Amino acid sequence: MLTSDDMEGLIRRYFAACNDADVDAIASCFAEGAVHYFPPGMYGGPFVGGRTIGERWDAAVQQLGSVWTVDQVITDPPSGRAVIEWTHFKTVQGVVLRGDEWYIFDFDSGLIREIRAYYASPQDGSLRALELQGYPYQERGYPTVPPLARS
């Protein structure tokens, strides 16, 4: 059974492993087939699999001097969901990136099954759909057309 302490602890362990650029420790935080989604144009699309997630964040540390903080955490153990606010310092570029992430946990293993990252940034006027690249909105029951307008 998931607890708030377990969920927050795993998220913080994941971030510590990212900051340490420890691919194996990062991968150990994820259930098989885990997916990390991003906005369009970010990092070439979703990262699939714990090992890929670990390798990509290792590369960010090596190339960008990336360091992350967990700024706030909210957990909901009965639903297996959590949301956090984070800060990503890209020290080589002198860039600070802030955002939120939704976490979906696997009830059987207690590991992370999915992360959906949302970035604090201006809306891209050239895009008609501002949504996570590769995320299956329709299959998950999200609206894909506007509701009927009131008269």
Foldseek 3Di string as FASTA:
>chain_A
DDDPCLLVVLVVQLQVCLLVLPLVSQQVQEDAFAWEWEWPPPPNGIQTHSNSVSNVSSVLCVPQVKHKDWDDKDDDVVQQKIKTKMWIQRPNVRDIWIWMWMWHADPVVRHTRYIYIDTPDDDDPVDPDGGIPPDPCVVVPHDPDDDDDDD
